[in-house]
N, C-alpha and C. Protein backbone atom coordinates (compact mmCIF):
# COMPACT_ATOMS: atom_id res chain seq x y z
N GLY A 1 114.87 29.71 7.77
CA GLY A 1 114.47 29.36 6.51
C GLY A 1 114.93 30.14 5.50
N SER A 2 115.88 30.82 5.41
CA SER A 2 116.46 31.55 4.44
C SER A 2 117.72 30.84 3.64
N CYS A 3 117.83 29.81 3.90
CA CYS A 3 118.80 28.93 3.42
C CYS A 3 118.39 27.97 2.29
N GLY A 4 117.00 28.04 2.03
CA GLY A 4 116.49 27.02 0.84
C GLY A 4 117.12 27.35 -0.38
N MET A 5 117.57 26.08 -0.99
CA MET A 5 118.21 26.20 -2.36
C MET A 5 117.85 24.77 -2.84
N MET A 6 118.14 24.78 -4.22
CA MET A 6 118.15 23.53 -4.89
C MET A 6 119.48 22.91 -4.93
N ILE A 7 119.67 21.86 -4.26
CA ILE A 7 121.06 20.98 -4.19
C ILE A 7 120.73 19.74 -5.17
N ASN A 8 121.27 19.78 -6.02
CA ASN A 8 121.31 18.68 -7.18
C ASN A 8 119.95 18.38 -7.61
N GLY A 9 119.25 19.71 -7.87
CA GLY A 9 117.91 19.56 -8.26
C GLY A 9 116.80 19.26 -7.27
N ILE A 10 117.22 19.30 -6.11
CA ILE A 10 116.08 18.97 -5.02
C ILE A 10 116.17 20.04 -4.04
N PRO A 11 114.58 20.64 -3.67
CA PRO A 11 114.80 21.59 -2.81
C PRO A 11 115.25 21.07 -1.34
N ASN A 12 116.02 21.77 -0.87
CA ASN A 12 116.70 21.46 0.37
C ASN A 12 117.19 22.61 1.21
N LEU A 13 117.34 22.52 2.46
CA LEU A 13 117.88 23.62 3.37
C LEU A 13 119.54 23.53 3.32
N SER A 14 120.27 24.63 2.84
CA SER A 14 121.73 24.16 2.57
C SER A 14 122.42 24.27 4.08
N CYS A 15 121.81 24.73 5.22
CA CYS A 15 122.27 24.65 6.40
C CYS A 15 122.20 23.32 6.93
N GLN A 16 121.53 22.28 6.52
CA GLN A 16 121.19 21.13 6.60
C GLN A 16 121.79 19.99 5.86
N THR A 17 122.65 20.42 4.86
CA THR A 17 123.06 19.68 3.79
C THR A 17 124.51 19.50 3.87
N PHE A 18 125.17 18.29 4.04
CA PHE A 18 126.49 18.14 4.18
C PHE A 18 127.00 17.73 3.19
N LEU A 19 128.25 18.24 2.64
CA LEU A 19 129.10 17.99 1.51
C LEU A 19 129.38 16.50 1.38
N ARG A 20 129.75 15.92 2.81
CA ARG A 20 130.33 14.57 2.93
C ARG A 20 129.21 13.49 2.34
N ASP A 21 127.96 14.02 2.35
CA ASP A 21 126.95 12.92 2.05
C ASP A 21 127.04 12.95 0.40
N TYR A 22 127.58 13.65 -0.16
CA TYR A 22 127.47 13.60 -1.72
C TYR A 22 129.05 13.04 -2.23
N TYR A 23 129.88 13.21 -1.28
CA TYR A 23 131.45 12.74 -1.84
C TYR A 23 131.19 11.34 -2.22
N PRO A 24 132.05 11.01 -3.41
CA PRO A 24 132.97 11.91 -4.35
C PRO A 24 132.21 12.57 -5.47
N ALA A 25 130.85 12.40 -5.53
CA ALA A 25 130.15 13.18 -6.53
C ALA A 25 130.15 14.89 -6.43
N ARG A 26 129.90 15.26 -7.58
CA ARG A 26 129.92 16.78 -7.74
C ARG A 26 128.53 17.32 -7.05
N VAL A 27 128.33 18.31 -6.44
CA VAL A 27 127.38 19.02 -5.94
C VAL A 27 127.11 20.13 -6.63
N ARG A 28 125.59 20.26 -7.32
CA ARG A 28 125.33 21.69 -7.89
C ARG A 28 124.29 22.26 -7.03
N VAL A 29 124.63 23.61 -6.74
CA VAL A 29 123.71 24.40 -5.76
C VAL A 29 123.10 25.41 -6.60
N GLU A 30 121.68 25.73 -6.58
CA GLU A 30 121.27 26.80 -7.53
C GLU A 30 119.99 27.45 -6.45
N ALA A 31 119.65 28.64 -6.94
CA ALA A 31 118.70 29.20 -6.28
C ALA A 31 117.32 28.33 -6.40
N LEU A 32 116.37 28.69 -5.46
CA LEU A 32 115.18 28.06 -5.36
C LEU A 32 114.33 28.18 -6.86
N ALA A 33 113.82 27.14 -7.39
CA ALA A 33 113.05 27.19 -8.49
C ALA A 33 111.76 27.87 -8.40
N HIS A 34 111.20 28.33 -9.49
CA HIS A 34 109.78 28.98 -9.58
C HIS A 34 109.83 30.51 -8.90
N PHE A 35 111.22 30.99 -8.74
CA PHE A 35 110.97 32.26 -7.83
C PHE A 35 112.08 33.38 -8.80
N PRO A 36 111.79 34.41 -8.99
CA PRO A 36 112.68 35.32 -9.51
C PRO A 36 114.08 35.24 -8.85
N ILE A 37 115.20 35.54 -9.65
CA ILE A 37 116.56 35.45 -8.68
C ILE A 37 116.87 37.01 -8.88
N GLU A 38 117.05 37.50 -7.64
CA GLU A 38 117.90 38.69 -7.24
C GLU A 38 119.18 38.92 -7.67
N ARG A 39 120.00 37.64 -7.18
CA ARG A 39 121.49 37.69 -7.57
C ARG A 39 122.16 36.17 -7.10
N ASP A 40 122.84 35.80 -7.61
CA ASP A 40 123.54 34.61 -7.40
C ASP A 40 122.27 33.39 -6.93
N LEU A 41 122.44 33.20 -5.59
CA LEU A 41 121.42 32.20 -4.81
C LEU A 41 120.30 32.96 -4.22
N VAL A 42 120.03 34.17 -4.34
CA VAL A 42 119.13 34.97 -3.52
C VAL A 42 118.05 35.16 -4.34
N ILE A 43 116.72 34.68 -4.00
CA ILE A 43 115.48 35.01 -4.49
C ILE A 43 114.68 36.09 -4.26
N ASN A 44 113.76 36.62 -5.09
CA ASN A 44 112.81 37.49 -4.65
C ASN A 44 111.60 36.94 -4.03
N MET A 45 111.34 37.16 -2.73
CA MET A 45 110.32 36.74 -2.08
C MET A 45 109.08 37.50 -1.90
N GLU A 46 109.19 38.83 -2.94
CA GLU A 46 107.99 39.66 -2.75
C GLU A 46 106.48 38.87 -3.00
N GLY A 47 106.56 38.12 -4.08
CA GLY A 47 105.12 37.41 -4.35
C GLY A 47 104.63 36.53 -3.20
N PHE A 48 105.71 35.95 -2.49
CA PHE A 48 105.24 34.96 -1.32
C PHE A 48 104.77 35.88 -0.16
N ILE A 49 105.55 36.89 0.21
CA ILE A 49 105.04 37.85 1.24
C ILE A 49 103.78 38.29 1.01
N GLU A 50 103.33 38.65 -0.22
CA GLU A 50 101.80 39.23 -0.58
C GLU A 50 100.99 38.21 -0.39
N LYS A 51 101.22 36.74 -0.58
CA LYS A 51 100.30 35.69 -0.47
C LYS A 51 100.15 35.63 0.95
N LEU A 52 101.28 35.68 1.84
CA LEU A 52 101.44 35.29 3.12
C LEU A 52 100.31 36.52 3.93
N GLU A 53 100.53 37.71 3.32
CA GLU A 53 99.87 38.83 4.02
C GLU A 53 98.29 38.74 3.57
N SER A 54 97.83 38.13 2.43
CA SER A 54 96.54 38.03 2.04
C SER A 54 95.67 36.94 2.82
N ILE A 55 96.41 36.24 3.55
CA ILE A 55 95.63 34.99 3.94
C ILE A 55 95.34 35.53 5.69
N GLN A 56 95.67 36.81 6.07
CA GLN A 56 95.45 37.32 7.36
C GLN A 56 96.20 36.22 8.40
N PRO A 57 97.47 36.31 8.43
CA PRO A 57 98.19 35.28 9.33
C PRO A 57 98.12 35.61 10.96
N TYR A 58 97.08 35.75 11.28
CA TYR A 58 96.68 36.36 12.59
C TYR A 58 95.24 35.80 13.32
N ILE A 59 95.20 35.86 14.53
CA ILE A 59 93.82 35.57 15.03
C ILE A 59 92.88 36.41 14.92
N ILE A 60 92.00 36.38 14.49
CA ILE A 60 90.91 37.32 14.25
C ILE A 60 89.85 37.03 15.35
N PRO A 61 89.63 37.52 16.52
CA PRO A 61 89.07 37.01 17.75
C PRO A 61 87.56 36.69 17.27
N LYS A 62 86.93 35.64 17.69
CA LYS A 62 85.45 35.59 17.64
C LYS A 62 84.87 36.55 18.58
N GLU A 63 85.19 36.98 19.30
CA GLU A 63 84.62 38.02 20.31
C GLU A 63 85.58 38.64 21.08
N GLU A 64 85.68 40.07 21.06
CA GLU A 64 86.38 40.90 21.76
C GLU A 64 86.40 40.68 23.34
N ARG A 65 87.68 40.58 23.71
CA ARG A 65 87.64 40.51 25.21
C ARG A 65 88.65 41.50 25.95
N THR A 66 88.16 41.71 27.36
CA THR A 66 88.85 42.87 27.76
C THR A 66 90.18 42.31 28.67
N LEU A 67 91.32 42.91 28.80
CA LEU A 67 92.35 42.35 29.48
C LEU A 67 91.87 41.91 31.08
N ALA A 68 90.85 42.45 31.54
CA ALA A 68 90.37 41.97 32.63
C ALA A 68 89.74 40.44 32.78
N GLN A 69 89.43 40.18 31.52
CA GLN A 69 88.84 38.91 31.12
C GLN A 69 89.83 37.79 31.15
N GLY A 70 90.99 38.22 30.74
CA GLY A 70 92.29 37.25 30.72
C GLY A 70 92.29 36.67 29.33
N GLU A 71 93.24 35.91 29.53
CA GLU A 71 93.71 35.44 28.00
C GLU A 71 92.64 34.25 27.41
N TYR A 72 92.79 33.72 26.04
CA TYR A 72 91.98 32.91 25.37
C TYR A 72 92.60 31.58 25.84
N LEU A 73 91.71 30.65 26.48
CA LEU A 73 92.32 29.48 26.73
C LEU A 73 91.97 28.31 25.62
N GLN A 74 92.85 27.32 25.75
CA GLN A 74 92.65 26.18 24.99
C GLN A 74 93.11 24.93 25.60
N THR A 75 92.35 23.82 25.12
CA THR A 75 92.68 22.38 25.71
C THR A 75 93.76 21.85 24.79
N PRO A 76 94.47 20.96 25.34
CA PRO A 76 95.60 20.44 24.52
C PRO A 76 95.03 19.77 23.10
N GLU A 77 93.81 19.25 23.06
CA GLU A 77 93.17 18.95 21.94
C GLU A 77 92.90 19.94 21.05
N GLN A 78 92.46 21.07 21.47
CA GLN A 78 92.40 22.25 20.50
C GLN A 78 93.76 22.71 19.82
N LEU A 79 94.76 22.74 20.74
CA LEU A 79 96.22 23.09 20.20
C LEU A 79 96.48 21.79 19.29
N ASN A 80 96.36 20.86 19.53
CA ASN A 80 96.72 19.59 18.54
C ASN A 80 96.17 19.73 17.26
N ALA A 81 94.95 20.43 17.11
CA ALA A 81 94.26 20.27 15.84
C ALA A 81 95.12 21.30 15.01
N TYR A 82 95.90 22.09 15.36
CA TYR A 82 96.56 23.10 14.39
C TYR A 82 98.15 23.13 14.63
N GLU A 83 98.43 22.44 15.65
CA GLU A 83 99.83 22.77 15.96
C GLU A 83 101.04 22.53 14.91
N GLN A 84 100.61 21.27 14.27
CA GLN A 84 101.62 20.99 12.93
C GLN A 84 101.52 22.03 11.97
N PHE A 85 100.66 22.70 11.73
CA PHE A 85 100.36 23.54 10.80
C PHE A 85 101.21 24.88 11.08
N SER A 86 101.56 25.03 12.27
CA SER A 86 102.26 26.32 12.75
C SER A 86 103.67 26.30 12.87
N SER A 87 104.29 25.19 12.43
CA SER A 87 105.61 24.79 12.65
C SER A 87 106.50 25.30 11.20
N CYS A 88 105.99 26.38 10.43
CA CYS A 88 106.37 26.30 9.01
C CYS A 88 107.57 27.43 9.45
N ILE A 89 108.70 27.54 8.74
CA ILE A 89 109.73 28.43 8.78
C ILE A 89 109.86 29.18 7.38
N ASN A 90 108.86 29.11 6.71
CA ASN A 90 108.64 29.85 5.50
C ASN A 90 110.12 29.67 4.73
N CYS A 91 110.75 28.77 4.57
CA CYS A 91 111.83 28.31 3.73
C CYS A 91 111.68 28.29 2.17
N LEU A 92 110.42 28.06 1.97
CA LEU A 92 109.91 28.08 0.41
C LEU A 92 110.26 26.74 -0.29
N LEU A 93 110.67 25.95 0.39
CA LEU A 93 110.98 24.60 -0.18
C LEU A 93 109.89 23.90 -0.97
N CYS A 94 108.84 24.10 -0.20
CA CYS A 94 107.51 23.59 -0.68
C CYS A 94 107.09 24.24 -2.15
N TYR A 95 107.38 25.39 -2.25
CA TYR A 95 107.12 26.08 -3.47
C TYR A 95 107.96 25.68 -4.52
N ALA A 96 109.19 25.39 -4.34
CA ALA A 96 110.17 24.83 -5.36
C ALA A 96 109.72 23.64 -5.67
N ALA A 97 109.26 22.77 -4.86
CA ALA A 97 108.86 21.75 -5.21
C ALA A 97 107.41 21.56 -5.94
N CYS A 98 106.62 22.63 -6.05
CA CYS A 98 105.21 22.42 -6.28
C CYS A 98 105.27 22.76 -7.93
N PRO A 99 104.96 21.47 -8.70
CA PRO A 99 104.85 21.95 -10.17
C PRO A 99 103.85 22.92 -10.60
N GLN A 100 102.46 23.06 -9.79
CA GLN A 100 101.67 23.88 -10.13
C GLN A 100 101.90 25.39 -10.01
N PHE A 101 102.67 25.59 -8.81
CA PHE A 101 103.21 26.99 -8.62
C PHE A 101 104.15 27.46 -9.62
N GLY A 102 105.05 26.18 -10.19
CA GLY A 102 105.82 26.62 -11.24
C GLY A 102 105.01 26.93 -12.61
N LEU A 103 103.94 26.52 -12.76
CA LEU A 103 103.02 26.72 -14.17
C LEU A 103 102.29 28.03 -13.93
N ASN A 104 101.96 28.32 -12.58
CA ASN A 104 100.87 29.17 -12.03
C ASN A 104 101.23 30.21 -10.89
N SER A 105 102.19 31.09 -11.12
CA SER A 105 102.62 31.77 -9.92
C SER A 105 101.54 32.53 -9.16
N SER A 106 100.47 32.54 -9.52
CA SER A 106 99.37 33.60 -8.79
C SER A 106 98.41 32.42 -7.77
N PHE A 107 98.77 31.06 -8.07
CA PHE A 107 98.51 30.02 -7.03
C PHE A 107 99.19 30.19 -5.60
N ILE A 108 98.11 30.30 -4.66
CA ILE A 108 98.56 30.76 -3.25
C ILE A 108 99.65 29.88 -2.68
N GLY A 109 99.64 28.73 -3.09
CA GLY A 109 100.63 27.77 -2.65
C GLY A 109 100.47 27.03 -1.30
N PRO A 110 101.43 26.08 -1.19
CA PRO A 110 101.32 25.36 -0.15
C PRO A 110 101.44 25.91 1.33
N ALA A 111 102.70 26.53 1.46
CA ALA A 111 102.83 27.34 2.83
C ALA A 111 102.04 28.36 3.28
N ALA A 112 101.35 29.06 2.38
CA ALA A 112 100.40 29.92 2.81
C ALA A 112 99.16 29.38 3.11
N THR A 113 98.94 28.12 2.22
CA THR A 113 97.67 27.41 2.70
C THR A 113 97.67 26.84 3.94
N ALA A 114 99.15 26.23 4.19
CA ALA A 114 98.98 25.58 5.68
C ALA A 114 98.90 26.53 6.64
N LEU A 115 99.45 27.70 6.66
CA LEU A 115 99.26 28.71 7.70
C LEU A 115 97.87 29.24 7.63
N LEU A 116 97.17 29.51 6.55
CA LEU A 116 95.68 29.71 6.75
C LEU A 116 95.01 28.83 7.35
N HIS A 117 95.34 27.35 7.07
CA HIS A 117 94.50 26.50 7.65
C HIS A 117 94.90 26.41 9.24
N ARG A 118 96.13 26.60 9.72
CA ARG A 118 96.61 27.00 10.97
C ARG A 118 95.44 27.76 11.83
N TYR A 119 95.10 29.01 11.06
CA TYR A 119 94.25 30.08 11.81
C TYR A 119 92.92 29.62 11.55
N ASN A 120 92.63 28.91 10.53
CA ASN A 120 91.09 28.49 10.26
C ASN A 120 90.75 27.45 11.34
N VAL A 121 91.66 26.76 11.95
CA VAL A 121 91.51 25.40 12.77
C VAL A 121 91.52 25.97 14.14
N ASP A 122 92.04 26.96 14.52
CA ASP A 122 92.20 27.49 15.94
C ASP A 122 90.91 27.89 16.59
N SER A 123 90.70 27.19 17.59
CA SER A 123 89.40 27.50 18.11
C SER A 123 89.29 28.95 18.62
N ARG A 124 90.21 29.74 18.78
CA ARG A 124 90.16 31.15 19.41
C ARG A 124 89.94 32.31 17.92
N ASP A 125 90.25 31.41 16.83
CA ASP A 125 89.99 32.41 15.61
C ASP A 125 88.40 32.54 14.99
N GLY A 126 88.01 33.81 14.65
CA GLY A 126 86.76 33.83 14.06
C GLY A 126 86.78 34.32 12.53
N GLY A 127 87.77 34.21 11.89
CA GLY A 127 88.19 34.67 10.41
C GLY A 127 87.90 33.66 9.39
N LYS A 128 87.48 32.39 9.64
CA LYS A 128 87.49 31.41 8.42
C LYS A 128 86.64 31.93 7.39
N ALA A 129 85.40 32.66 7.62
CA ALA A 129 84.70 33.06 6.41
C ALA A 129 85.22 34.00 5.81
N GLU A 130 86.02 35.07 6.28
CA GLU A 130 86.90 35.93 5.56
C GLU A 130 88.08 35.33 4.86
N ARG A 131 88.56 34.14 5.26
CA ARG A 131 89.58 33.38 4.50
C ARG A 131 88.98 32.49 3.60
N MET A 132 88.00 32.19 3.79
CA MET A 132 87.14 31.31 2.79
C MET A 132 87.04 31.79 1.36
N GLU A 133 87.01 33.09 1.42
CA GLU A 133 86.96 33.82 0.09
C GLU A 133 88.26 33.60 -0.83
N LEU A 134 89.26 33.64 -0.14
CA LEU A 134 90.73 33.25 -0.78
C LEU A 134 90.81 31.85 -1.16
N ILE A 135 90.49 30.91 -0.16
CA ILE A 135 90.51 29.31 -0.49
C ILE A 135 89.68 29.12 -1.57
N ASN A 136 88.43 29.76 -2.17
CA ASN A 136 87.55 29.58 -3.08
C ASN A 136 87.96 30.39 -4.50
N SER A 137 88.85 30.99 -4.05
CA SER A 137 89.27 31.92 -5.29
C SER A 137 89.82 31.22 -6.60
N GLU A 138 90.25 31.99 -7.60
CA GLU A 138 90.91 31.42 -8.69
C GLU A 138 92.40 30.96 -8.38
N GLU A 139 92.83 31.68 -7.34
CA GLU A 139 94.36 31.60 -6.58
C GLU A 139 94.17 30.49 -5.69
N GLY A 140 93.31 29.95 -5.27
CA GLY A 140 93.08 29.19 -4.09
C GLY A 140 93.33 27.57 -4.31
N VAL A 141 92.66 26.78 -3.39
CA VAL A 141 93.22 25.61 -3.22
C VAL A 141 93.01 24.47 -4.42
N PHE A 142 92.01 25.05 -5.23
CA PHE A 142 91.77 23.67 -6.33
C PHE A 142 92.64 24.18 -7.46
N ASN A 143 93.80 24.76 -7.17
CA ASN A 143 94.69 24.91 -8.38
C ASN A 143 95.85 23.69 -7.89
N CYS A 144 95.99 23.14 -6.84
CA CYS A 144 96.50 22.10 -6.28
C CYS A 144 96.12 21.00 -7.24
N THR A 145 97.25 20.34 -7.76
CA THR A 145 96.98 19.13 -8.48
C THR A 145 97.46 17.91 -7.68
N ALA A 146 97.49 17.92 -6.26
CA ALA A 146 97.61 16.77 -5.44
C ALA A 146 98.96 15.84 -5.64
N VAL A 147 100.01 16.47 -6.06
CA VAL A 147 101.28 15.62 -6.33
C VAL A 147 101.74 15.21 -4.83
N GLY A 148 101.73 16.30 -3.73
CA GLY A 148 102.31 16.07 -2.54
C GLY A 148 103.60 16.17 -2.38
N TYR A 149 104.59 16.50 -3.24
CA TYR A 149 106.05 16.73 -3.23
C TYR A 149 106.35 17.89 -2.19
N CYS A 150 105.40 18.89 -2.11
CA CYS A 150 105.62 20.01 -1.28
C CYS A 150 105.68 19.20 0.35
N SER A 151 104.98 18.09 0.89
CA SER A 151 105.20 17.66 1.92
C SER A 151 106.37 16.84 2.13
N GLU A 152 106.58 16.35 1.18
CA GLU A 152 108.04 15.38 1.18
C GLU A 152 109.08 16.22 1.45
N VAL A 153 109.38 17.47 0.83
CA VAL A 153 110.66 18.28 0.96
C VAL A 153 110.39 19.16 2.22
N CYS A 154 109.46 19.00 3.02
CA CYS A 154 109.05 20.25 4.25
C CYS A 154 110.14 19.53 5.25
N PRO A 155 111.26 20.38 5.72
CA PRO A 155 111.89 19.89 6.79
C PRO A 155 111.44 20.16 8.22
N LYS A 156 110.29 20.72 8.45
CA LYS A 156 109.54 20.77 9.61
C LYS A 156 108.31 19.78 9.89
N HIS A 157 108.13 19.08 8.75
CA HIS A 157 107.00 18.01 8.51
C HIS A 157 105.70 18.82 8.83
N VAL A 158 105.38 20.00 8.27
CA VAL A 158 104.28 20.68 8.26
C VAL A 158 102.93 19.91 7.43
N ASP A 159 103.28 19.32 6.53
CA ASP A 159 102.59 18.59 5.65
C ASP A 159 101.43 19.67 4.79
N PRO A 160 101.95 20.35 3.96
CA PRO A 160 100.90 21.45 3.17
C PRO A 160 100.07 20.69 2.53
N ALA A 161 100.35 19.55 1.83
CA ALA A 161 99.68 18.87 1.16
C ALA A 161 98.23 18.52 1.66
N ASN A 162 98.43 18.02 3.18
CA ASN A 162 97.34 17.88 4.10
C ASN A 162 96.33 18.93 4.31
N ALA A 163 97.02 20.22 4.50
CA ALA A 163 96.33 21.50 4.67
C ALA A 163 95.40 21.89 3.23
N VAL A 164 96.10 21.42 2.12
CA VAL A 164 95.44 21.90 0.94
C VAL A 164 94.32 21.08 0.87
N ASN A 165 94.33 19.79 1.07
CA ASN A 165 93.29 18.83 0.84
C ASN A 165 92.23 19.14 2.05
N GLN A 166 92.34 19.43 3.20
CA GLN A 166 91.40 19.81 4.07
C GLN A 166 90.67 20.93 3.65
N ASN A 167 91.41 21.94 2.93
CA ASN A 167 90.81 23.03 2.65
C ASN A 167 89.83 23.04 1.51
N LYS A 168 90.32 21.98 0.75
CA LYS A 168 89.34 21.73 -0.35
C LYS A 168 88.07 20.90 0.05
N THR A 169 88.21 20.17 1.12
CA THR A 169 86.86 19.91 1.80
C THR A 169 86.09 20.64 2.29
N ASN A 170 86.92 21.87 2.90
CA ASN A 170 86.07 22.99 3.63
C ASN A 170 85.33 23.74 2.55
N SER A 171 86.13 23.81 1.49
CA SER A 171 85.58 24.63 0.36
C SER A 171 84.25 24.00 -0.10
N ALA A 172 84.33 23.05 -0.26
CA ALA A 172 83.29 21.95 -1.08
C ALA A 172 82.20 22.17 0.15
N ALA A 173 82.28 22.04 1.38
CA ALA A 173 81.19 22.15 2.30
C ALA A 173 80.63 23.30 2.30
N ASP A 174 81.59 24.57 2.19
CA ASP A 174 81.04 25.98 2.13
C ASP A 174 80.26 26.30 1.13
N TYR A 175 80.58 25.51 -0.03
CA TYR A 175 79.91 25.91 -1.40
C TYR A 175 78.53 25.26 -1.34
N PHE A 176 78.47 23.77 -0.68
CA PHE A 176 77.21 23.28 -0.57
C PHE A 176 76.25 23.99 0.50
N LEU A 177 76.67 24.54 1.54
CA LEU A 177 75.99 25.19 2.48
C LEU A 177 75.53 26.55 1.97
N ARG A 178 76.62 27.23 1.26
CA ARG A 178 75.85 28.46 0.78
C ARG A 178 74.79 28.24 -0.36
N PHE A 179 74.87 27.11 -1.07
CA PHE A 179 74.00 26.76 -2.05
C PHE A 179 72.30 26.51 -1.27
N LEU A 180 72.39 25.82 -0.32
CA LEU A 180 71.20 25.71 0.39
C LEU A 180 70.70 26.68 1.16
N ALA A 181 71.61 27.76 1.64
CA ALA A 181 70.97 28.96 2.30
C ALA A 181 70.06 29.61 1.63
N PRO A 182 68.90 29.99 2.32
CA PRO A 182 67.89 31.06 1.81
C PRO A 182 68.36 31.98 1.16
N ARG A 183 68.06 32.64 -0.02
CA ARG A 183 68.47 33.69 -0.82
C ARG A 183 67.91 34.89 0.17
N GLY A 184 68.55 36.03 0.09
CA GLY A 184 68.12 37.21 0.85
C GLY A 184 68.30 37.37 2.32
N GLY A 185 68.76 36.10 2.89
CA GLY A 185 69.07 36.25 4.38
C GLY A 185 67.77 35.77 5.09
N ALA A 186 67.87 35.63 6.25
CA ALA A 186 66.89 35.25 7.33
C ALA A 186 65.80 36.50 7.34
N LYS A 187 64.43 35.99 7.46
CA LYS A 187 63.43 37.02 7.49
C LYS A 187 62.69 36.90 8.85
C-alpha cells in the first residue's frame, strides 16, 4: 500500500497504473492529497499511524483463555461479518479521496474506521465499548459527510463508507441505550 499517489488528480496505486492506459495524453503524478509531504512523492503518515493505534487494532478477548482451552473458534458466518473490512492495505487512497479529512485532519477517517469496525464485529472481540468512545467522539464517525468516494477508490473493495455508516448506526443505538439506562448503575 505504499505506492498510493494522485495520478491525474485521482487517488490510485501507482503499482497498478499503466502509462499505456493514458497514452498519448500526459500523466501527472503527485503525492497523496491531504497529507504533509516529506519529499517528492513521499508523505508523512504519522497522523494516520496515531489514528490506527487509537482504535486498538487487535482482539480484546471477551474472556481470557488458557492455551489448554485451545483457540477461539468461529463459524464461516462469523468470519463473513468482518472479512471484507480486514482486507485494508493502508494505502491511504481513501483519505486522499475524503473531502472531510481534507478539511478536518483530526477526523479518524475511513481506513481506521473500517479497521475499528472489523474488530467490533468480530465475535471473539470484547472491546466494542472501549472503541465506542472514539466512535462517539469529536473525531469520530459523525464527521463523515457520506460522500462515499473513499469506497470508490479502494483497490481492495473494503468499503470504508459502509463501515462508517454502520458505526453511525451503532453509535446512535449506544447513545439511546445509555439514555435509557438507570443512573448510578444497578442496585
